[in-house]
Amino acid sequence: MNEKQSASQPKQRRRYYDEEFKRNAVELLERGERSAVQLSRELGISDCALGKWKRQYGQEAHNSGQAEQSRIAQLERQVEYLSRQRDILKKALAILGQEPSDSTK
């Protein structure tokens, strides 16, 4: 476009959507009643934005977050177990490393 054309056309303002709107749009998409393109046209958004929202708020994103939390909990339990084992070994080494007392000589 040249300068004359861009001056005559108003600048389009970027629209912002709240999280609730995005989650509702993803829920509609995941129901499968309409395609992503059809739903994006009805809502007046781009299908790329809808895809991004699906990755961010969709059921799969929620499930992967739960799997990650489960893995973190498992690793925390393992750290606790290994810390206890280490402490036991430290105590055992301290006991075995002591000089015998005078009563055994």
PDB file of N, CA and C in Angstrom:
ATOM      1  N   MET A   1       0.828  -1.173   0.000  1.00  0.00           N
ATOM      2  CA  MET A   1       0.000   0.000   0.000  1.00  0.00           C
ATOM      3  C   MET A   1       0.875   1.240   0.000  1.00  0.00           C
ATOM      4  N   ASN A   2       0.386   2.259  -0.634  1.00  0.00           N
ATOM      5  CA  ASN A   2       1.144   3.510  -0.564  1.00  0.00           C
ATOM      6  C   ASN A   2       0.593   4.365   0.570  1.00  0.00           C
ATOM      7  N   GLU A   3       1.217   5.528   0.783  1.00  0.00           N
ATOM      8  CA  GLU A   3       0.862   6.373   1.924  1.00  0.00           C
ATOM      9  C   GLU A   3      -0.557   6.927   1.810  1.00  0.00           C
ATOM     10  N   LYS A   4      -1.014   7.219   0.602  1.00  0.00           N
ATOM     11  CA  LYS A   4      -2.349   7.775   0.421  1.00  0.00           C
ATOM     12  C   LYS A   4      -3.415   6.764   0.836  1.00  0.00           C
ATOM     13  N   GLN A   5      -3.229   5.504   0.469  1.00  0.00           N
ATOM     14  CA  GLN A   5      -4.209   4.486   0.814  1.00  0.00           C
ATOM     15  C   GLN A   5      -4.229   4.229   2.320  1.00  0.00           C
ATOM     16  N   SER A   6      -3.068   4.158   2.929  1.00  0.00           N
ATOM     17  CA  SER A   6      -3.029   3.864   4.361  1.00  0.00           C
ATOM     18  C   SER A   6      -3.575   5.036   5.176  1.00  0.00           C
ATOM     19  N   ALA A   7      -3.449   6.261   4.683  1.00  0.00           N
ATOM     20  CA  ALA A   7      -3.962   7.424   5.403  1.00  0.00           C
ATOM     21  C   ALA A   7      -5.483   7.458   5.366  1.00  0.00           C
ATOM     22  N   SER A   8      -6.081   6.972   4.288  1.00  0.00           N
ATOM     23  CA  SER A   8      -7.530   7.015   4.172  1.00  0.00           C
ATOM     24  C   SER A   8      -8.200   5.886   4.951  1.00  0.00           C
ATOM     25  N   GLN A   9      -7.480   4.819   5.241  1.00  0.00           N
ATOM     26  CA  GLN A   9      -8.044   3.710   5.997  1.00  0.00           C
ATOM     27  C   GLN A   9      -7.701   3.869   7.477  1.00  0.00           C
ATOM     28  N   PRO A  10      -8.689   3.769   8.324  1.00  0.00           N
ATOM     29  CA  PRO A  10      -8.389   3.879   9.756  1.00  0.00           C
ATOM     30  C   PRO A  10      -7.602   2.661  10.234  1.00  0.00           C
ATOM     31  N   LYS A  11      -6.749   2.888  11.220  1.00  0.00           N
ATOM     32  CA  LYS A  11      -5.982   1.777  11.778  1.00  0.00           C
ATOM     33  C   LYS A  11      -6.914   0.888  12.573  1.00  0.00           C
ATOM     34  N   GLN A  12      -6.748  -0.412  12.380  1.00  0.00           N
ATOM     35  CA  GLN A  12      -7.564  -1.342  13.141  1.00  0.00           C
ATOM     36  C   GLN A  12      -6.954  -1.514  14.525  1.00  0.00           C
ATOM     37  N   ARG A  13      -7.797  -1.427  15.510  1.00  0.00           N
ATOM     38  CA  ARG A  13      -7.326  -1.597  16.880  1.00  0.00           C
ATOM     39  C   ARG A  13      -7.330  -3.080  17.224  1.00  0.00           C
ATOM     40  N   ARG A  14      -6.373  -3.452  17.995  1.00  0.00           N
ATOM     41  CA  ARG A  14      -6.259  -4.839  18.412  1.00  0.00           C
ATOM     42  C   ARG A  14      -7.321  -5.128  19.478  1.00  0.00           C
ATOM     43  N   ARG A  15      -8.031  -6.224  19.303  1.00  0.00           N
ATOM     44  CA  ARG A  15      -9.069  -6.589  20.256  1.00  0.00           C
ATOM     45  C   ARG A  15      -8.488  -7.525  21.308  1.00  0.00           C
ATOM     46  N   TYR A  16      -8.924  -7.349  22.525  1.00  0.00           N
ATOM     47  CA  TYR A  16      -8.486  -8.203  23.621  1.00  0.00           C
ATOM     48  C   TYR A  16      -9.678  -8.974  24.156  1.00  0.00           C
ATOM     49  N   TYR A  17      -9.447 -10.228  24.453  1.00  0.00           N
ATOM     50  CA  TYR A  17     -10.501 -11.092  24.949  1.00  0.00           C
ATOM     51  C   TYR A  17     -10.112 -11.578  26.338  1.00  0.00           C
ATOM     52  N   ASP A  18     -11.083 -11.591  27.234  1.00  0.00           N
ATOM     53  CA  ASP A  18     -10.781 -12.046  28.589  1.00  0.00           C
ATOM     54  C   ASP A  18     -10.670 -13.580  28.616  1.00  0.00           C
ATOM     55  N   GLU A  19     -10.126 -14.070  29.708  1.00  0.00           N
ATOM     56  CA  GLU A  19      -9.873 -15.516  29.821  1.00  0.00           C
ATOM     57  C   GLU A  19     -11.159 -16.329  29.746  1.00  0.00           C
ATOM     58  N   GLU A  20     -12.232 -15.814  30.315  1.00  0.00           N
ATOM     59  CA  GLU A  20     -13.507 -16.535  30.294  1.00  0.00           C
ATOM     60  C   GLU A  20     -13.999 -16.731  28.858  1.00  0.00           C
ATOM     61  N   PHE A  21     -13.886 -15.690  28.042  1.00  0.00           N
ATOM     62  CA  PHE A  21     -14.293 -15.793  26.644  1.00  0.00           C
ATOM     63  C   PHE A  21     -13.464 -16.865  25.932  1.00  0.00           C
ATOM     64  N   LYS A  22     -12.164 -16.850  26.183  1.00  0.00           N
ATOM     65  CA  LYS A  22     -11.271 -17.819  25.544  1.00  0.00           C
ATOM     66  C   LYS A  22     -11.614 -19.244  25.964  1.00  0.00           C
ATOM     67  N   ARG A  23     -11.841 -19.442  27.256  1.00  0.00           N
ATOM     68  CA  ARG A  23     -12.186 -20.782  27.747  1.00  0.00           C
ATOM     69  C   ARG A  23     -13.520 -21.252  27.176  1.00  0.00           C
ATOM     70  N   ASN A  24     -14.481 -20.363  27.085  1.00  0.00           N
ATOM     71  CA  ASN A  24     -15.772 -20.733  26.503  1.00  0.00           C
ATOM     72  C   ASN A  24     -15.629 -21.096  25.032  1.00  0.00           C
ATOM     73  N   ALA A  25     -14.813 -20.352  24.310  1.00  0.00           N
ATOM     74  CA  ALA A  25     -14.590 -20.646  22.895  1.00  0.00           C
ATOM     75  C   ALA A  25     -13.947 -22.026  22.739  1.00  0.00           C
ATOM     76  N   VAL A  26     -12.984 -22.334  23.581  1.00  0.00           N
ATOM     77  CA  VAL A  26     -12.313 -23.645  23.524  1.00  0.00           C
ATOM     78  C   VAL A  26     -13.292 -24.757  23.877  1.00  0.00           C
ATOM     79  N   GLU A  27     -14.139 -24.506  24.864  1.00  0.00           N
ATOM     80  CA  GLU A  27     -15.141 -25.508  25.239  1.00  0.00           C
ATOM     81  C   GLU A  27     -16.072 -25.804  24.069  1.00  0.00           C
ATOM     82  N   LEU A  28     -16.509 -24.751  23.378  1.00  0.00           N
ATOM     83  CA  LEU A  28     -17.358 -24.942  22.198  1.00  0.00           C
ATOM     84  C   LEU A  28     -16.631 -25.746  21.124  1.00  0.00           C
ATOM     85  N   LEU A  29     -15.368 -25.461  20.950  1.00  0.00           N
ATOM     86  CA  LEU A  29     -14.580 -26.171  19.945  1.00  0.00           C
ATOM     87  C   LEU A  29     -14.428 -27.644  20.311  1.00  0.00           C
ATOM     88  N   GLU A  30     -14.177 -27.917  21.593  1.00  0.00           N
ATOM     89  CA  GLU A  30     -13.945 -29.301  22.023  1.00  0.00           C
ATOM     90  C   GLU A  30     -15.214 -30.145  22.010  1.00  0.00           C
ATOM     91  N   ARG A  31     -16.368 -29.498  22.005  1.00  0.00           N
ATOM     92  CA  ARG A  31     -17.622 -30.253  21.882  1.00  0.00           C
ATOM     93  C   ARG A  31     -17.728 -30.920  20.514  1.00  0.00           C
ATOM     94  N   GLY A  32     -17.077 -30.337  19.515  1.00  0.00           N
ATOM     95  CA  GLY A  32     -17.045 -30.935  18.186  1.00  0.00           C
ATOM     96  C   GLY A  32     -18.260 -30.663  17.334  1.00  0.00           C
ATOM     97  N   GLU A  33     -19.126 -29.763  17.769  1.00  0.00           N
ATOM     98  CA  GLU A  33     -20.326 -29.475  16.991  1.00  0.00           C
ATOM     99  C   GLU A  33     -20.016 -28.659  15.737  1.00  0.00           C
ATOM    100  N   ARG A  34     -18.952 -27.864  15.802  1.00  0.00           N
ATOM    101  CA  ARG A  34     -18.553 -27.029  14.672  1.00  0.00           C
ATOM    102  C   ARG A  34     -17.053 -27.148  14.465  1.00  0.00           C
ATOM    103  N   SER A  35     -16.620 -26.901  13.254  1.00  0.00           N
ATOM    104  CA  SER A  35     -15.187 -26.922  12.974  1.00  0.00           C
ATOM    105  C   SER A  35     -14.539 -25.663  13.538  1.00  0.00           C
ATOM    106  N   ALA A  36     -13.231 -25.677  13.638  1.00  0.00           N
ATOM    107  CA  ALA A  36     -12.497 -24.529  14.164  1.00  0.00           C
ATOM    108  C   ALA A  36     -12.713 -23.303  13.276  1.00  0.00           C
ATOM    109  N   VAL A  37     -12.712 -23.493  11.969  1.00  0.00           N
ATOM    110  CA  VAL A  37     -12.895 -22.373  11.038  1.00  0.00           C
ATOM    111  C   VAL A  37     -14.301 -21.795  11.185  1.00  0.00           C
ATOM    112  N   GLN A  38     -15.291 -22.675  11.253  1.00  0.00           N
ATOM    113  CA  GLN A  38     -16.678 -22.224  11.380  1.00  0.00           C
ATOM    114  C   GLN A  38     -16.878 -21.486  12.701  1.00  0.00           C
ATOM    115  N   LEU A  39     -16.364 -22.020  13.780  1.00  0.00           N
ATOM    116  CA  LEU A  39     -16.520 -21.394  15.087  1.00  0.00           C
ATOM    117  C   LEU A  39     -15.792 -20.051  15.151  1.00  0.00           C
ATOM    118  N   SER A  40     -14.602 -19.999  14.565  1.00  0.00           N
ATOM    119  CA  SER A  40     -13.851 -18.744  14.595  1.00  0.00           C
ATOM    120  C   SER A  40     -14.577 -17.651  13.814  1.00  0.00           C
ATOM    121  N   ARG A  41     -15.212 -18.014  12.717  1.00  0.00           N
ATOM    122  CA  ARG A  41     -15.991 -17.021  11.957  1.00  0.00           C
ATOM    123  C   ARG A  41     -17.176 -16.535  12.769  1.00  0.00           C
ATOM    124  N   GLU A  42     -17.862 -17.463  13.456  1.00  0.00           N
ATOM    125  CA  GLU A  42     -19.026 -17.078  14.259  1.00  0.00           C
ATOM    126  C   GLU A  42     -18.631 -16.146  15.404  1.00  0.00           C
ATOM    127  N   LEU A  43     -17.470 -16.390  15.987  1.00  0.00           N
ATOM    128  CA  LEU A  43     -17.032 -15.593  17.131  1.00  0.00           C
ATOM    129  C   LEU A  43     -16.290 -14.326  16.709  1.00  0.00           C
ATOM    130  N   GLY A  44     -15.932 -14.235  15.437  1.00  0.00           N
ATOM    131  CA  GLY A  44     -15.236 -13.052  14.944  1.00  0.00           C
ATOM    132  C   GLY A  44     -13.767 -13.016  15.333  1.00  0.00           C
ATOM    133  N   ILE A  45     -13.164 -14.198  15.414  1.00  0.00           N
ATOM    134  CA  ILE A  45     -11.740 -14.301  15.746  1.00  0.00           C
ATOM    135  C   ILE A  45     -11.044 -15.107  14.673  1.00  0.00           C
ATOM    136  N   SER A  46      -9.729 -15.079  14.675  1.00  0.00           N
ATOM    137  CA  SER A  46      -9.009 -15.870  13.683  1.00  0.00           C
ATOM    138  C   SER A  46      -8.919 -17.314  14.154  1.00  0.00           C
ATOM    139  N   ASP A  47      -8.850 -18.223  13.195  1.00  0.00           N
ATOM    140  CA  ASP A  47      -8.731 -19.635  13.568  1.00  0.00           C
ATOM    141  C   ASP A  47      -7.376 -19.914  14.222  1.00  0.00           C
ATOM    142  N   CYS A  48      -6.372 -19.097  13.907  1.00  0.00           N
ATOM    143  CA  CYS A  48      -5.058 -19.247  14.559  1.00  0.00           C
ATOM    144  C   CYS A  48      -5.160 -18.912  16.045  1.00  0.00           C
ATOM    145  N   ALA A  49      -5.906 -17.855  16.357  1.00  0.00           N
ATOM    146  CA  ALA A  49      -6.098 -17.480  17.760  1.00  0.00           C
ATOM    147  C   ALA A  49      -6.841 -18.585  18.496  1.00  0.00           C
ATOM    148  N   LEU A  50      -7.835 -19.156  17.863  1.00  0.00           N
ATOM    149  CA  LEU A  50      -8.603 -20.230  18.481  1.00  0.00           C
ATOM    150  C   LEU A  50      -7.714 -21.445  18.748  1.00  0.00           C
ATOM    151  N   GLY A  51      -6.836 -21.759  17.809  1.00  0.00           N
ATOM    152  CA  GLY A  51      -5.898 -22.867  18.003  1.00  0.00           C
ATOM    153  C   GLY A  51      -4.948 -22.602  19.151  1.00  0.00           C
ATOM    154  N   LYS A  52      -4.486 -21.375  19.247  1.00  0.00           N
ATOM    155  CA  LYS A  52      -3.591 -20.996  20.353  1.00  0.00           C
ATOM    156  C   LYS A  52      -4.311 -21.129  21.686  1.00  0.00           C
ATOM    157  N   TRP A  53      -5.561 -20.680  21.729  1.00  0.00           N
ATOM    158  CA  TRP A  53      -6.338 -20.771  22.963  1.00  0.00           C
ATOM    159  C   TRP A  53      -6.577 -22.226  23.333  1.00  0.00           C
ATOM    160  N   LYS A  54      -6.778 -23.064  22.325  1.00  0.00           N
ATOM    161  CA  LYS A  54      -7.013 -24.491  22.591  1.00  0.00           C
ATOM    162  C   LYS A  54      -5.777 -25.112  23.240  1.00  0.00           C
ATOM    163  N   ARG A  55      -4.599 -24.769  22.743  1.00  0.00           N
ATOM    164  CA  ARG A  55      -3.366 -25.291  23.339  1.00  0.00           C
ATOM    165  C   ARG A  55      -3.206 -24.782  24.767  1.00  0.00           C
ATOM    166  N   GLN A  56      -3.638 -23.555  24.994  1.00  0.00           N
ATOM    167  CA  GLN A  56      -3.455 -22.934  26.296  1.00  0.00           C
ATOM    168  C   GLN A  56      -4.512 -23.379  27.314  1.00  0.00           C
ATOM    169  N   TYR A  57      -5.765 -23.470  26.901  1.00  0.00           N
ATOM    170  CA  TYR A  57      -6.854 -23.718  27.833  1.00  0.00           C
ATOM    171  C   TYR A  57      -7.582 -25.039  27.619  1.00  0.00           C
ATOM    172  N   GLY A  58      -7.226 -25.782  26.599  1.00  0.00           N
ATOM    173  CA  GLY A  58      -7.967 -26.993  26.270  1.00  0.00           C
ATOM    174  C   GLY A  58      -7.774 -28.126  27.259  1.00  0.00           C
ATOM    175  N   GLN A  59      -8.548 -29.176  27.055  1.00  0.00           N
ATOM    176  CA  GLN A  59      -8.528 -30.338  27.937  1.00  0.00           C
ATOM    177  C   GLN A  59      -7.156 -30.988  27.961  1.00  0.00           C
ATOM    178  N   GLU A  60      -6.485 -31.064  26.825  1.00  0.00           N
ATOM    179  CA  GLU A  60      -5.157 -31.676  26.772  1.00  0.00           C
ATOM    180  C   GLU A  60      -4.159 -30.888  27.616  1.00  0.00           C
ATOM    181  N   ALA A  61      -4.238 -29.570  27.572  1.00  0.00           N
ATOM    182  CA  ALA A  61      -3.350 -28.738  28.382  1.00  0.00           C
ATOM    183  C   ALA A  61      -3.605 -28.985  29.856  1.00  0.00           C
ATOM    184  N   HIS A  62      -4.866 -29.149  30.217  1.00  0.00           N
ATOM    185  CA  HIS A  62      -5.230 -29.416  31.610  1.00  0.00           C
ATOM    186  C   HIS A  62      -4.686 -30.776  32.043  1.00  0.00           C
ATOM    187  N   ASN A  63      -4.830 -31.783  31.186  1.00  0.00           N
ATOM    188  CA  ASN A  63      -4.341 -33.123  31.513  1.00  0.00           C
ATOM    189  C   ASN A  63      -2.826 -33.152  31.635  1.00  0.00           C
ATOM    190  N   SER A  64      -2.123 -32.445  30.764  1.00  0.00           N
ATOM    191  CA  SER A  64      -0.663 -32.440  30.838  1.00  0.00           C
ATOM    192  C   SER A  64      -0.199 -31.733  32.099  1.00  0.00           C
ATOM    193  N   GLY A  65      -0.952 -30.727  32.542  1.00  0.00           N
ATOM    194  CA  GLY A  65      -0.627 -30.050  33.794  1.00  0.00           C
ATOM    195  C   GLY A  65      -0.793 -30.981  34.985  1.00  0.00           C
ATOM    196  N   GLN A  66      -1.832 -31.818  34.955  1.00  0.00           N
ATOM    197  CA  GLN A  66      -2.042 -32.784  36.026  1.00  0.00           C
ATOM    198  C   GLN A  66      -0.945 -33.837  36.019  1.00  0.00           C
ATOM    199  N   ALA A  67      -0.542 -34.283  34.836  1.00  0.00           N
ATOM    200  CA  ALA A  67       0.521 -35.282  34.729  1.00  0.00           C
ATOM    201  C   ALA A  67       1.830 -34.709  35.266  1.00  0.00           C
ATOM    202  N   GLU A  68       2.077 -33.445  34.980  1.00  0.00           N
ATOM    203  CA  GLU A  68       3.288 -32.792  35.462  1.00  0.00           C
ATOM    204  C   GLU A  68       3.271 -32.691  36.987  1.00  0.00           C
ATOM    205  N   GLN A  69       2.133 -32.344  37.567  1.00  0.00           N
ATOM    206  CA  GLN A  69       2.018 -32.261  39.023  1.00  0.00           C
ATOM    207  C   GLN A  69       2.214 -33.632  39.660  1.00  0.00           C
ATOM    208  N   SER A  70       1.687 -34.659  39.025  1.00  0.00           N
ATOM    209  CA  SER A  70       1.866 -36.016  39.529  1.00  0.00           C
ATOM    210  C   SER A  70       3.335 -36.413  39.506  1.00  0.00           C
ATOM    211  N   ARG A  71       4.018 -36.075  38.441  1.00  0.00           N
ATOM    212  CA  ARG A  71       5.455 -36.381  38.315  1.00  0.00           C
ATOM    213  C   ARG A  71       6.261 -35.623  39.376  1.00  0.00           C
ATOM    214  N   ILE A  72       5.915 -34.375  39.626  1.00  0.00           N
ATOM    215  CA  ILE A  72       6.606 -33.583  40.645  1.00  0.00           C
ATOM    216  C   ILE A  72       6.429 -34.233  42.017  1.00  0.00           C
ATOM    217  N   ALA A  73       5.197 -34.655  42.330  1.00  0.00           N
ATOM    218  CA  ALA A  73       4.937 -35.306  43.617  1.00  0.00           C
ATOM    219  C   ALA A  73       5.741 -36.591  43.747  1.00  0.00           C
ATOM    220  N   GLN A  74       5.826 -37.366  42.668  1.00  0.00           N
ATOM    221  CA  GLN A  74       6.601 -38.612  42.673  1.00  0.00           C
ATOM    222  C   GLN A  74       8.073 -38.317  42.933  1.00  0.00           C
ATOM    223  N   LEU A  75       8.605 -37.317  42.266  1.00  0.00           N
ATOM    224  CA  LEU A  75      10.015 -36.964  42.449  1.00  0.00           C
ATOM    225  C   LEU A  75      10.289 -36.433  43.852  1.00  0.00           C
ATOM    226  N   GLU A  76       9.346 -35.704  44.419  1.00  0.00           N
ATOM    227  CA  GLU A  76       9.513 -35.219  45.793  1.00  0.00           C
ATOM    228  C   GLU A  76       9.558 -36.385  46.779  1.00  0.00           C
ATOM    229  N   ARG A  77       8.702 -37.400  46.566  1.00  0.00           N
ATOM    230  CA  ARG A  77       8.739 -38.592  47.426  1.00  0.00           C
ATOM    231  C   ARG A  77      10.066 -39.313  47.299  1.00  0.00           C
ATOM    232  N   GLN A  78      10.586 -39.392  46.080  1.00  0.00           N
ATOM    233  CA  GLN A  78      11.866 -40.057  45.852  1.00  0.00           C
ATOM    234  C   GLN A  78      13.005 -39.290  46.534  1.00  0.00           C
ATOM    235  N   VAL A  79      12.986 -37.983  46.484  1.00  0.00           N
ATOM    236  CA  VAL A  79      14.012 -37.174  47.143  1.00  0.00           C
ATOM    237  C   VAL A  79      13.966 -37.414  48.651  1.00  0.00           C
ATOM    238  N   GLU A  80      12.764 -37.450  49.199  1.00  0.00           N
ATOM    239  CA  GLU A  80      12.594 -37.710  50.638  1.00  0.00           C
ATOM    240  C   GLU A  80      13.183 -39.071  51.009  1.00  0.00           C
ATOM    241  N   TYR A  81      12.862 -40.092  50.233  1.00  0.00           N
ATOM    242  CA  TYR A  81      13.364 -41.447  50.492  1.00  0.00           C
ATOM    243  C   TYR A  81      14.894 -41.484  50.430  1.00  0.00           C
ATOM    244  N   LEU A  82      15.455 -40.890  49.401  1.00  0.00           N
ATOM    245  CA  LEU A  82      16.911 -40.909  49.237  1.00  0.00           C
ATOM    246  C   LEU A  82      17.609 -40.093  50.326  1.00  0.00           C
ATOM    247  N   SER A  83      16.979 -39.025  50.775  1.00  0.00           N
ATOM    248  CA  SER A  83      17.553 -38.235  51.870  1.00  0.00           C
ATOM    249  C   SER A  83      17.605 -39.054  53.155  1.00  0.00           C
ATOM    250  N   ARG A  84      16.539 -39.809  53.417  1.00  0.00           N
ATOM    251  CA  ARG A  84      16.540 -40.679  54.607  1.00  0.00           C
ATOM    252  C   ARG A  84      17.632 -41.737  54.509  1.00  0.00           C
ATOM    253  N   GLN A  85      17.771 -42.330  53.333  1.00  0.00           N
ATOM    254  CA  GLN A  85      18.803 -43.351  53.135  1.00  0.00           C
ATOM    255  C   GLN A  85      20.201 -42.768  53.358  1.00  0.00           C
ATOM    256  N   ARG A  86      20.421 -41.584  52.851  1.00  0.00           N
ATOM    257  CA  ARG A  86      21.712 -40.922  53.027  1.00  0.00           C
ATOM    258  C   ARG A  86      22.003 -40.668  54.504  1.00  0.00           C
ATOM    259  N   ASP A  87      20.984 -40.197  55.233  1.00  0.00           N
ATOM    260  CA  ASP A  87      21.168 -39.920  56.656  1.00  0.00           C
ATOM    261  C   ASP A  87      21.492 -41.194  57.432  1.00  0.00           C
ATOM    262  N   ILE A  88      20.834 -42.295  57.079  1.00  0.00           N
ATOM    263  CA  ILE A  88      21.115 -43.580  57.730  1.00  0.00           C
ATOM    264  C   ILE A  88      22.562 -43.997  57.463  1.00  0.00           C
ATOM    265  N   LEU A  89      23.004 -43.856  56.232  1.00  0.00           N
ATOM    266  CA  LEU A  89      24.380 -44.230  55.893  1.00  0.00           C
ATOM    267  C   LEU A  89      25.391 -43.345  56.624  1.00  0.00           C
ATOM    268  N   LYS A  90      25.111 -42.082  56.752  1.00  0.00           N
ATOM    269  CA  LYS A  90      26.005 -41.179  57.482  1.00  0.00           C
ATOM    270  C   LYS A  90      26.150 -41.621  58.930  1.00  0.00           C
ATOM    271  N   LYS A  91      25.013 -41.970  59.562  1.00  0.00           N
ATOM    272  CA  LYS A  91      25.049 -42.421  60.951  1.00  0.00           C
ATOM    273  C   LYS A  91      25.818 -43.725  61.068  1.00  0.00           C
ATOM    274  N   ALA A  92      25.608 -44.639  60.123  1.00  0.00           N
ATOM    275  CA  ALA A  92      26.310 -45.924  60.159  1.00  0.00           C
ATOM    276  C   ALA A  92      27.810 -45.709  60.010  1.00  0.00           C
ATOM    277  N   LEU A  93      28.223 -44.838  59.123  1.00  0.00           N
ATOM    278  CA  LEU A  93      29.653 -44.558  58.952  1.00  0.00           C
ATOM    279  C   LEU A  93      30.246 -43.918  60.198  1.00  0.00           C
ATOM    280  N   ALA A  94      29.489 -43.066  60.850  1.00  0.00           N
ATOM    281  CA  ALA A  94      29.967 -42.429  62.069  1.00  0.00           C
ATOM    282  C   ALA A  94      30.146 -43.467  63.170  1.00  0.00           C
ATOM    283  N   ILE A  95      29.218 -44.404  63.276  1.00  0.00           N
ATOM    284  CA  ILE A  95      29.320 -45.454  64.303  1.00  0.00           C
ATOM    285  C   ILE A  95      30.493 -46.375  64.014  1.00  0.00           C
ATOM    286  N   LEU A  96      30.638 -46.800  62.771  1.00  0.00           N
ATOM    287  CA  LEU A  96      31.717 -47.724  62.407  1.00  0.00           C
ATOM    288  C   LEU A  96      33.086 -47.066  62.477  1.00  0.00           C
ATOM    289  N   GLY A  97      33.126 -45.771  62.309  1.00  0.00           N
ATOM    290  CA  GLY A  97      34.395 -45.055  62.314  1.00  0.00           C
ATOM    291  C   GLY A  97      34.899 -44.724  63.705  1.00  0.00           C
ATOM    292  N   GLN A  98      34.097 -44.977  64.757  1.00  0.00           N
ATOM    293  CA  GLN A  98      34.505 -44.651  66.115  1.00  0.00           C
ATOM    294  C   GLN A  98      35.550 -45.651  66.612  1.00  0.00           C
ATOM    295  N   GLU A  99      36.429 -45.155  67.478  1.00  0.00           N
ATOM    296  CA  GLU A  99      37.422 -46.013  68.125  1.00  0.00           C
ATOM    297  C   GLU A  99      36.702 -46.891  69.151  1.00  0.00           C
ATOM    298  N   PRO A 100      37.161 -48.108  69.335  1.00  0.00           N
ATOM    299  CA  PRO A 100      36.543 -48.957  70.364  1.00  0.00           C
ATOM    300  C   PRO A 100      36.757 -48.342  71.743  1.00  0.00           C
ATOM    301  N   SER A 101      35.828 -48.573  72.641  1.00  0.00           N
ATOM    302  CA  SER A 101      35.935 -48.018  73.992  1.00  0.00           C
ATOM    303  C   SER A 101      36.957 -48.807  74.808  1.00  0.00           C
ATOM    304  N   ASP A 102      37.427 -48.299  75.938  1.00  0.00           N
ATOM    305  CA  ASP A 102      38.454 -48.919  76.775  1.00  0.00           C
ATOM    306  C   ASP A 102      37.963 -50.234  77.387  1.00  0.00           C
ATOM    307  N   SER A 103      36.674 -50.429  77.578  1.00  0.00           N
ATOM    308  CA  SER A 103      36.157 -51.626  78.225  1.00  0.00           C
ATOM    309  C   SER A 103      36.344 -52.878  77.381  1.00  0.00           C
ATOM    310  N   THR A 104      36.557 -52.761  76.064  1.00  0.00           N
ATOM    311  CA  THR A 104      36.728 -53.920  75.212  1.00  0.00           C
ATOM    312  C   THR A 104      38.171 -54.335  75.071  1.00  0.00           C
ATOM    313  N   LYS A 105      39.130 -53.573  75.628  1.00  0.00           N
ATOM    314  CA  LYS A 105      40.549 -53.901  75.480  1.00  0.00           C
ATOM    315  C   LYS A 105      40.994 -54.913  76.481  1.00  0.00           C
TER     316      LYS A 105
END
